C-alpha atoms as a PDB file:
ATOM      1  CA  MET A   1      -7.756 -25.915   7.567  1.00  0.00           C
ATOM      2  CA  PHE A   2      -5.729 -23.024   6.155  1.00  0.00           C
ATOM      3  CA  SER A   3      -3.682 -20.208   7.622  1.00  0.00           C
ATOM      4  CA  ALA A   4      -2.019 -17.055   6.318  1.00  0.00           C
ATOM      5  CA  ARG A   5       1.309 -18.909   6.416  1.00  0.00           C
ATOM      6  CA  SER A   6       0.081 -21.935   4.455  1.00  0.00           C
ATOM      7  CA  LEU A   7      -1.757 -19.791   1.881  1.00  0.00           C
ATOM      8  CA  PHE A   8       1.231 -17.599   1.144  1.00  0.00           C
ATOM      9  CA  GLN A   9       3.532 -20.620   1.023  1.00  0.00           C
ATOM     10  CA  GLU A  10       1.234 -22.215  -1.538  1.00  0.00           C
ATOM     11  CA  ILE A  11       1.256 -19.041  -3.635  1.00  0.00           C
ATOM     12  CA  VAL A  12       5.062 -18.740  -3.483  1.00  0.00           C
ATOM     13  CA  ASP A  13       5.628 -22.394  -4.365  1.00  0.00           C
ATOM     14  CA  ASN A  14       3.639 -22.232  -7.624  1.00  0.00           C
ATOM     15  CA  ASP A  15       5.170 -20.270 -10.512  1.00  0.00           C
ATOM     16  CA  ASP A  16       1.851 -19.090 -11.949  1.00  0.00           C
ATOM     17  CA  SER A  17       0.411 -17.822  -8.649  1.00  0.00           C
ATOM     18  CA  TYR A  18       3.768 -16.317  -7.645  1.00  0.00           C
ATOM     19  CA  ARG A  19       3.948 -14.525 -10.991  1.00  0.00           C
ATOM     20  CA  LEU A  20       0.487 -13.051 -10.469  1.00  0.00           C
ATOM     21  CA  PHE A  21       1.221 -12.036  -6.864  1.00  0.00           C
ATOM     22  CA  CYS A  22       4.482 -10.258  -7.753  1.00  0.00           C
ATOM     23  CA  SER A  23       2.919  -8.618 -10.813  1.00  0.00           C
ATOM     24  CA  ILE A  24       0.003  -7.182  -8.826  1.00  0.00           C
ATOM     25  CA  ALA A  25       2.386  -5.919  -6.141  1.00  0.00           C
ATOM     26  CA  ALA A  26       4.851  -4.421  -8.635  1.00  0.00           C
ATOM     27  CA  SER A  27       2.075  -2.601 -10.493  1.00  0.00           C
ATOM     28  CA  GLY A  28       0.693  -1.051  -7.313  1.00  0.00           C
ATOM     29  CA  GLU A  29       4.113   0.097  -6.136  1.00  0.00           C
ATOM     30  CA  ALA A  30       4.915   1.626  -9.533  1.00  0.00           C
ATOM     31  CA  GLN A  31       1.659   3.592  -9.443  1.00  0.00           C
ATOM     32  CA  GLY A  32       2.525   4.834  -5.972  1.00  0.00           C
ATOM     33  CA  GLY A  33       5.954   5.933  -7.145  1.00  0.00           C
ATOM     34  CA  TRP A  34       4.500   7.929 -10.034  1.00  0.00           C
ATOM     35  CA  GLU A  35       1.838   9.557  -7.851  1.00  0.00           C
ATOM     36  CA  ASN A  36       4.316  10.687  -5.210  1.00  0.00           C
ATOM     37  CA  GLY A  37       6.715  11.982  -7.841  1.00  0.00           C
ATOM     38  CA  ARG A  38       3.990  14.101  -9.420  1.00  0.00           C
ATOM     39  CA  ILE A  39       2.778  15.386  -6.051  1.00  0.00           C
ATOM     40  CA  ALA A  40       6.312  16.425  -5.105  1.00  0.00           C
ATOM     41  CA  SER A  41       6.689  18.350  -8.377  1.00  0.00           C
ATOM     42  CA  LEU A  42       3.330  20.129  -7.928  1.00  0.00           C
ATOM     43  CA  MET A  43       3.704  21.022  -4.247  1.00  0.00           C
ATOM     44  CA  PRO A  44       2.210  24.427  -3.324  1.00  0.00           C
ATOM     45  CA  ALA A  45       4.682  27.130  -2.287  1.00  0.00           C
ATOM     46  CA  SER A  46       3.395  27.105   1.306  1.00  0.00           C
ATOM     47  CA  LEU A  47       4.401  23.439   1.715  1.00  0.00           C
ATOM     48  CA  ARG A  48       7.546  23.247  -0.405  1.00  0.00           C
ATOM     49  CA  ASP A  49       9.492  21.999   2.625  1.00  0.00           C
ATOM     50  CA  LEU A  50       7.510  18.760   2.363  1.00  0.00           C
ATOM     51  CA  ALA A  51       8.559  18.052  -1.242  1.00  0.00           C
ATOM     52  CA  PRO A  52      11.801  16.154  -0.406  1.00  0.00           C
ATOM     53  CA  LYS A  53       9.878  13.761   1.845  1.00  0.00           C
ATOM     54  CA  VAL A  54       7.229  13.157  -0.797  1.00  0.00           C
ATOM     55  CA  THR A  55      10.016  12.553  -3.311  1.00  0.00           C
ATOM     56  CA  ARG A  56      11.606  10.069  -0.913  1.00  0.00           C
ATOM     57  CA  HIS A  57       8.253   8.344  -0.482  1.00  0.00           C
ATOM     58  CA  GLY A  58       7.958   7.968  -4.251  1.00  0.00           C
ATOM     59  CA  ALA A  59      11.529   6.693  -4.541  1.00  0.00           C
ATOM     60  CA  ASP A  60      10.772   4.006  -1.972  1.00  0.00           C
ATOM     61  CA  GLU A  61       7.660   2.918  -3.872  1.00  0.00           C
ATOM     62  CA  ASP A  62       9.656   2.752  -7.116  1.00  0.00           C
ATOM     63  CA  LYS A  63      12.256   0.656  -5.304  1.00  0.00           C
ATOM     64  CA  HIS A  64       9.570  -1.753  -4.116  1.00  0.00           C
ATOM     65  CA  GLY A  65       8.315  -2.135  -7.670  1.00  0.00           C
ATOM     66  CA  ARG A  66      11.843  -2.980  -8.813  1.00  0.00           C
ATOM     67  CA  ILE A  67      12.185  -5.504  -5.997  1.00  0.00           C
ATOM     68  CA  PHE A  68       9.072  -7.385  -7.117  1.00  0.00           C
ATOM     69  CA  GLN A  69      10.279  -7.281 -10.719  1.00  0.00           C
ATOM     70  CA  ALA A  70      13.617  -8.703  -9.574  1.00  0.00           C
ATOM     71  CA  LEU A  71      11.885 -11.504  -7.688  1.00  0.00           C
ATOM     72  CA  LEU A  72      10.169 -12.453 -10.935  1.00  0.00           C
ATOM     73  CA  ARG A  73      13.417 -12.369 -12.912  1.00  0.00           C
ATOM     74  CA  ARG A  74      15.205 -14.521 -10.350  1.00  0.00           C
ATOM     75  CA  ARG A  75      12.721 -17.298 -11.064  1.00  0.00           C
ATOM     76  CA  GLY A  76      12.842 -16.709 -14.821  1.00  0.00           C
ATOM     77  CA  LEU A  77       9.311 -15.296 -14.922  1.00  0.00           C
ATOM     78  CA  THR A  78       7.866 -12.339 -16.818  1.00  0.00           C
ATOM     79  CA  PRO A  79       5.209  -9.971 -15.430  1.00  0.00           C
ATOM     80  CA  ALA A  80       1.599 -11.104 -15.810  1.00  0.00           C
ATOM     81  CA  PRO A  81      -1.272  -8.812 -16.827  1.00  0.00           C
ATOM     82  CA  VAL A  82      -2.876  -7.337 -13.721  1.00  0.00           C
ATOM     83  CA  PRO A  83      -6.644  -8.028 -13.614  1.00  0.00           C
ATOM     84  CA  GLU A  84      -8.608  -4.793 -13.343  1.00  0.00           C
ATOM     85  CA  GLU A  85     -10.544  -5.995 -10.324  1.00  0.00           C
ATOM     86  CA  THR A  86      -7.295  -6.484  -8.356  1.00  0.00           C
ATOM     87  CA  ASP A  87      -6.016  -2.932  -8.937  1.00  0.00           C
ATOM     88  CA  TYR A  88      -6.296  -1.475  -5.429  1.00  0.00           C
ATOM     89  CA  THR A  89      -5.005   1.994  -6.372  1.00  0.00           C
ATOM     90  CA  ALA A  90      -7.279   2.426  -9.386  1.00  0.00           C
ATOM     91  CA  LEU A  91     -10.343   1.233  -7.471  1.00  0.00           C
ATOM     92  CA  LEU A  92      -9.683   3.748  -4.688  1.00  0.00           C
ATOM     93  CA  GLU A  93      -9.328   6.515  -7.259  1.00  0.00           C
ATOM     94  CA  ARG A  94     -12.667   5.566  -8.814  1.00  0.00           C
ATOM     95  CA  ARG A  95     -14.273   6.092  -5.423  1.00  0.00           C
ATOM     96  CA  GLY A  96     -12.826   9.598  -5.295  1.00  0.00           C
ATOM     97  CA  ILE A  97     -10.214   8.720  -2.680  1.00  0.00           C
ATOM     98  CA  GLY A  98      -6.861  10.456  -2.892  1.00  0.00           C
ATOM     99  CA  LEU A  99      -5.843  12.764  -5.736  1.00  0.00           C
ATOM    100  CA  ALA A 100      -7.195  11.963  -9.192  1.00  0.00           C
ATOM    101  CA  HIS A 101      -4.610  11.077 -11.821  1.00  0.00           C
ATOM    102  CA  ASP A 102      -6.136  13.663 -14.159  1.00  0.00           C
ATOM    103  CA  LYS A 103      -5.214  16.347 -11.635  1.00  0.00           C
ATOM    104  CA  LEU A 104      -1.694  14.988 -11.215  1.00  0.00           C
ATOM    105  CA  ARG A 105      -1.099  15.000 -14.976  1.00  0.00           C
ATOM    106  CA  ARG A 106      -1.727  18.741 -15.173  1.00  0.00           C
ATOM    107  CA  ASP A 107       1.138  21.158 -14.620  1.00  0.00           C
ATOM    108  CA  GLU A 108      -0.829  23.161 -12.063  1.00  0.00           C
ATOM    109  CA  PRO A 109       0.296  23.588  -8.448  1.00  0.00           C
ATOM    110  CA  LEU A 110      -1.680  21.623  -5.914  1.00  0.00           C
ATOM    111  CA  THR A 111      -3.432  23.308  -2.986  1.00  0.00           C
ATOM    112  CA  GLU A 112      -2.917  22.817   0.734  1.00  0.00           C
ATOM    113  CA  LEU A 113      -6.213  20.894   0.784  1.00  0.00           C
ATOM    114  CA  ASP A 114      -4.838  18.599  -1.940  1.00  0.00           C
ATOM    115  CA  ILE A 115      -1.792  17.839   0.206  1.00  0.00           C
ATOM    116  CA  ILE A 116      -3.957  17.179   3.266  1.00  0.00           C
ATOM    117  CA  THR A 117      -6.028  14.830   1.094  1.00  0.00           C
ATOM    118  CA  TYR A 118      -2.876  13.074  -0.141  1.00  0.00           C
ATOM    119  CA  LEU A 119      -1.442  12.642   3.359  1.00  0.00           C
ATOM    120  CA  SER A 120      -4.758  11.438   4.801  1.00  0.00           C
ATOM    121  CA  HIS A 121      -5.190   8.924   1.978  1.00  0.00           C
ATOM    122  CA  SER A 122      -1.604   7.774   2.500  1.00  0.00           C
ATOM    123  CA  ARG A 123      -2.078   7.445   6.262  1.00  0.00           C
ATOM    124  CA  VAL A 124      -4.948   4.982   5.652  1.00  0.00           C
ATOM    125  CA  THR A 125      -3.344   2.967   2.847  1.00  0.00           C
ATOM    126  CA  GLU A 126       0.077   2.872   4.518  1.00  0.00           C
ATOM    127  CA  GLN A 127      -1.579   1.432   7.628  1.00  0.00           C
ATOM    128  CA  ARG A 128      -2.904  -1.378   5.456  1.00  0.00           C
ATOM    129  CA  ALA A 129       0.486  -1.915   3.830  1.00  0.00           C
ATOM    130  CA  ALA A 130       2.358  -1.842   7.147  1.00  0.00           C
ATOM    131  CA  ASP A 131      -0.070  -4.342   8.706  1.00  0.00           C
ATOM    132  CA  GLN A 132       0.321  -6.720   5.777  1.00  0.00           C
ATOM    133  CA  MET A 133       4.097  -6.505   5.857  1.00  0.00           C
ATOM    134  CA  VAL A 134       4.194  -7.146   9.616  1.00  0.00           C
ATOM    135  CA  MET A 135       2.233 -10.348   8.985  1.00  0.00           C
ATOM    136  CA  LEU A 136       4.484 -11.409   6.110  1.00  0.00           C
ATOM    137  CA  THR A 137       7.627 -10.618   8.105  1.00  0.00           C
ATOM    138  CA  LYS A 138       6.352 -12.756  10.990  1.00  0.00           C
ATOM    139  CA  TYR A 139       5.889 -15.803   8.786  1.00  0.00           C
ATOM    140  CA  PHE A 140       8.348 -15.278   5.924  1.00  0.00           C
ATOM    141  CA  GLY A 141      10.992 -12.816   7.092  1.00  0.00           C
ATOM    142  CA  ASP A 142      13.567 -15.635   7.007  1.00  0.00           C
ATOM    143  CA  HIS A 143      12.347 -17.232   3.763  1.00  0.00           C
ATOM    144  CA  PRO A 144      15.379 -17.857   1.501  1.00  0.00           C
ATOM    145  CA  GLU A 145      13.705 -16.464  -1.633  1.00  0.00           C
ATOM    146  CA  VAL A 146      11.464 -13.615  -0.463  1.00  0.00           C
ATOM    147  CA  GLY A 147      12.553 -12.929   3.130  1.00  0.00           C
ATOM    148  CA  LYS A 148      15.032 -10.135   2.427  1.00  0.00           C
ATOM    149  CA  ALA A 149      12.589  -8.352   0.117  1.00  0.00           C
ATOM    150  CA  ILE A 150       9.836  -8.558   2.732  1.00  0.00           C
ATOM    151  CA  ARG A 151      12.086  -7.134   5.465  1.00  0.00           C
ATOM    152  CA  ILE A 152      13.215  -4.207   3.289  1.00  0.00           C
ATOM    153  CA  ILE A 153       9.682  -3.309   2.232  1.00  0.00           C
ATOM    154  CA  SER A 154       8.302  -3.704   5.757  1.00  0.00           C
ATOM    155  CA  HIS A 155      10.894  -1.281   7.128  1.00  0.00           C
ATOM    156  CA  ASP A 156      10.007   1.262   4.453  1.00  0.00           C
ATOM    157  CA  GLU A 157       6.267   0.929   5.055  1.00  0.00           C
ATOM    158  CA  ASP A 158       6.795   1.610   8.758  1.00  0.00           C
ATOM    159  CA  ASN A 159       8.697   4.766   7.777  1.00  0.00           C
ATOM    160  CA  HIS A 160       5.914   5.867   5.440  1.00  0.00           C
ATOM    161  CA  LEU A 161       3.296   5.408   8.143  1.00  0.00           C
ATOM    162  CA  ALA A 162       5.381   7.335  10.683  1.00  0.00           C
ATOM    163  CA  TYR A 163       5.845  10.181   8.204  1.00  0.00           C
ATOM    164  CA  CYS A 164       2.094  10.416   7.571  1.00  0.00           C
ATOM    165  CA  HIS A 165       1.346  10.597  11.300  1.00  0.00           C
ATOM    166  CA  GLU A 166       3.964  13.265  11.910  1.00  0.00           C
ATOM    167  CA  GLU A 167       3.027  15.500   8.976  1.00  0.00           C
ATOM    168  CA  LEU A 168      -0.711  15.263   9.594  1.00  0.00           C
ATOM    169  CA  LEU A 169      -0.199  16.178  13.247  1.00  0.00           C
ATOM    170  CA  ARG A 170       1.896  19.163  12.147  1.00  0.00           C
ATOM    171  CA  LEU A 171      -0.882  20.304   9.815  1.00  0.00           C
ATOM    172  CA  ALA A 172      -3.480  19.727  12.544  1.00  0.00           C
ATOM    173  CA  ARG A 173      -1.554  22.114  14.805  1.00  0.00           C
ATOM    174  CA  LEU A 174      -1.821  24.705  12.030  1.00  0.00           C
ATOM    175  CA  GLY A 175      -5.624  24.543  12.222  1.00  0.00           C
ATOM    176  CA  HIS A 176      -6.496  21.748   9.787  1.00  0.00           C
ATOM    177  CA  GLY A 177      -7.541  19.177  12.403  1.00  0.00           C
ATOM    178  CA  ARG A 178     -11.239  18.919  11.525  1.00  0.00           C
ATOM    179  CA  THR A 179     -10.519  18.701   7.801  1.00  0.00           C
ATOM    180  CA  ILE A 180      -7.960  15.971   8.400  1.00  0.00           C
ATOM    181  CA  GLN A 181     -10.352  13.902  10.518  1.00  0.00           C
ATOM    182  CA  ARG A 182     -13.137  14.243   7.951  1.00  0.00           C
ATOM    183  CA  ILE A 183     -10.913  13.115   5.089  1.00  0.00           C
ATOM    184  CA  LEU A 184      -9.405  10.285   7.150  1.00  0.00           C
ATOM    185  CA  HIS A 185     -12.858   8.922   7.933  1.00  0.00           C
ATOM    186  CA  ASP A 186     -13.968   9.182   4.284  1.00  0.00           C
ATOM    187  CA  CYS A 187     -10.803   7.410   3.131  1.00  0.00           C
ATOM    188  CA  ALA A 188     -11.086   4.645   5.718  1.00  0.00           C
ATOM    189  CA  ARG A 189     -14.715   3.853   4.883  1.00  0.00           C
ATOM    190  CA  ALA A 190     -13.918   3.560   1.187  1.00  0.00           C
ATOM    191  CA  GLU A 191     -10.690   1.626   1.771  1.00  0.00           C
ATOM    192  CA  LEU A 192     -12.440  -1.085   3.781  1.00  0.00           C
ATOM    193  CA  VAL A 193     -14.747  -1.836   0.850  1.00  0.00           C
ATOM    194  CA  VAL A 194     -11.986  -1.705  -1.767  1.00  0.00           C
ATOM    195  CA  TYR A 195      -9.668  -3.912   0.296  1.00  0.00           C
ATOM    196  CA  ARG A 196     -12.455  -6.463   0.750  1.00  0.00           C
ATOM    197  CA  ASP A 197     -13.284  -6.474  -2.961  1.00  0.00           C
ATOM    198  CA  VAL A 198      -9.641  -6.692  -4.044  1.00  0.00           C
ATOM    199  CA  SER A 199      -8.955  -9.470  -1.535  1.00  0.00           C
ATOM    200  CA  LEU A 200     -11.913 -11.449  -2.876  1.00  0.00           C
ATOM    201  CA  ALA A 201     -10.755 -10.894  -6.468  1.00  0.00           C
ATOM    202  CA  VAL A 202      -7.155 -11.891  -5.751  1.00  0.00           C
ATOM    203  CA  MET A 203      -8.219 -15.048  -3.915  1.00  0.00           C
ATOM    204  CA  ASP A 204     -10.597 -15.916  -6.759  1.00  0.00           C
ATOM    205  CA  HIS A 205      -7.749 -15.686  -9.274  1.00  0.00           C
ATOM    206  CA  MET A 206      -5.374 -17.607  -6.993  1.00  0.00           C
ATOM    207  CA  GLY A 207      -8.002 -20.283  -6.448  1.00  0.00           C
ATOM    208  CA  ARG A 208      -8.363 -20.844 -10.164  1.00  0.00           C
ATOM    209  CA  VAL A 209      -4.608 -20.940 -10.715  1.00  0.00           C
ATOM    210  CA  LEU A 210      -4.037 -23.319  -7.795  1.00  0.00           C
ATOM    211  CA  LYS A 211      -7.237 -25.324  -8.425  1.00  0.00           C
ATOM    212  CA  TRP A 212      -8.551 -24.921  -4.906  1.00  0.00           C
ATOM    213  CA  PRO A 213     -11.630 -26.993  -4.032  1.00  0.00           C
ATOM    214  CA  LYS A 214     -14.894 -25.123  -3.549  1.00  0.00           C
ATOM    215  CA  ALA A 215     -14.784 -25.674   0.200  1.00  0.00           C
ATOM    216  CA  LYS A 216     -11.413 -23.954   0.496  1.00  0.00           C
ATOM    217  CA  SER A 217     -12.408 -21.022  -1.724  1.00  0.00           C
ATOM    218  CA  GLY A 218     -15.647 -20.684   0.188  1.00  0.00           C
ATOM    219  CA  GLY A 219     -13.823 -20.685   3.513  1.00  0.00           C
ATOM    220  CA  LEU A 220     -11.499 -17.938   2.317  1.00  0.00           C
ATOM    221  CA  THR A 221     -14.416 -15.864   1.079  1.00  0.00           C
ATOM    222  CA  THR A 222     -16.075 -16.202   4.475  1.00  0.00           C
ATOM    223  CA  ALA A 223     -12.843 -15.219   6.252  1.00  0.00           C
ATOM    224  CA  ILE A 224     -12.362 -12.121   4.080  1.00  0.00           C
ATOM    225  CA  ARG A 225     -15.940 -11.019   4.675  1.00  0.00           C
ATOM    226  CA  ALA A 226     -15.513 -11.617   8.420  1.00  0.00           C
ATOM    227  CA  VAL A 227     -12.448  -9.338   8.473  1.00  0.00           C
ATOM    228  CA  TYR A 228     -14.461  -6.689   6.643  1.00  0.00           C
ATOM    229  CA  GLY A 229     -17.252  -7.041   9.193  1.00  0.00           C
ATOM    230  CA  TYR A 230     -14.822  -6.614  12.079  1.00  0.00           C
ATOM    231  CA  GLU A 231     -13.206  -3.586  10.491  1.00  0.00           C
ATOM    232  CA  ARG A 232     -16.544  -1.992   9.712  1.00  0.00           C
ATOM    233  CA  LEU A 233     -17.712  -2.446  13.300  1.00  0.00           C
ATOM    234  CA  GLY A 234     -14.632  -0.868  14.869  1.00  0.00           C
ATOM    235  CA  GLY A 235     -11.369  -2.071  13.412  1.00  0.00           C
ATOM    236  CA  TRP A 236     -11.317   0.982  11.124  1.00  0.00           C
ATOM    237  CA  ARG A 237     -10.374   3.205  14.071  1.00  0.00           C
ATOM    238  CA  ARG A 238      -6.728   2.114  13.870  1.00  0.00           C
ATOM    239  CA  MET A 239      -6.643   3.679  10.397  1.00  0.00           C
ATOM    240  CA  VAL A 240      -7.787   7.164  11.406  1.00  0.00           C
ATOM    241  CA  SER A 241      -6.101   7.811  14.763  1.00  0.00           C
ATOM    242  CA  LEU A 242      -3.040  10.051  14.880  1.00  0.00           C
ATOM    243  CA  ARG A 243      -0.156   9.848  17.334  1.00  0.00           C
ATOM    244  CA  MET A 244       3.394  11.130  17.281  1.00  0.00           C
ATOM    245  CA  PRO A 245       5.551   8.236  16.012  1.00  0.00           C
ATOM    246  CA  GLU A 246       8.687   6.939  17.661  1.00  0.00           C
ATOM    247  CA  ARG A 247      10.422   7.309  14.279  1.00  0.00           C
ATOM    248  CA  ARG A 248      10.666  11.077  13.872  1.00  0.00           C
ATOM    249  CA  ASP A 249      11.567  12.581  10.481  1.00  0.00           C
ATOM    250  CA  ALA A 250      11.365   9.064   9.031  1.00  0.00           C
ATOM    251  CA  LEU A 251      11.671  10.281   5.413  1.00  0.00           C
ATOM    252  CA  GLY A 252      14.115  13.075   6.107  1.00  0.00           C
ATOM    253  CA  GLY A 253      17.157  11.467   4.540  1.00  0.00           C
ATOM    254  CA  PRO A 254      18.055   9.866   1.218  1.00  0.00           C
ATOM    255  CA  PRO A 255      16.267   6.612   0.351  1.00  0.00           C
ATOM    256  CA  ALA A 256      17.997   3.398   1.346  1.00  0.00           C
ATOM    257  CA  SER A 257      19.056   1.469  -1.721  1.00  0.00           C
ATOM    258  CA  ALA A 258      18.482  -2.223  -2.341  1.00  0.00           C
ATOM    259  CA  PRO A 259      21.278  -3.016  -4.828  1.00  0.00           C
ATOM    260  CA  GLU A 260      20.800  -6.753  -4.445  1.00  0.00           C
ATOM    261  CA  PHE A 261      17.389  -6.369  -6.068  1.00  0.00           C
ATOM    262  CA  ALA A 262      18.338  -3.854  -8.763  1.00  0.00           C
END
């Protein structure tokens, strides 16, 4: 039998699988940092007050990327190439979810609809990230090598999710409620498929690195598909609901530094 705890422990204990895990995570965080930085610089005049929070969001994502790079360095490892099929951010973009990188590379102000799209996309993906970090904190928050990194990132992801809830609710009060719900539902449906496909791809690569027997790989494939089935039937609702968070103005201050991982 296998569990989330035993799987992650196996990945952390092997240099090659650990290198791949940290490299995939670092790449995704770096992409998120760039995207948020560009969005902050292209914010429409009507929403300029949101730019500092978007900047803070990007700074946090950059920090997370540096943390994963530092975890690699601490073990004397270099980043591994990230397989295309494990690139969560790029696969979402291909499905038309979020703001296209081509748009973000232009020096043209974004629209209010673009910002609603960005926040809705972030609300869905930050839910996924927060859920994953809660699980990792439960099992590995006290791990001597990765525990501190997990706790820092988990705290930030909770802040990001709170910020998305609060800002989307503010925009809903301004009359954008139906648009927000439509985009949230579109994002969630696409994210479920991408998360399933990326999970299958990551486990396939890990299985080859760790030489898992066919029975174990097959069991993991079945488990991933079962999670997708549950989410498709109703689990997706947690990704589209909006409620005022307990953490208000979660990204209103300067980003917390993580000098021990610099």
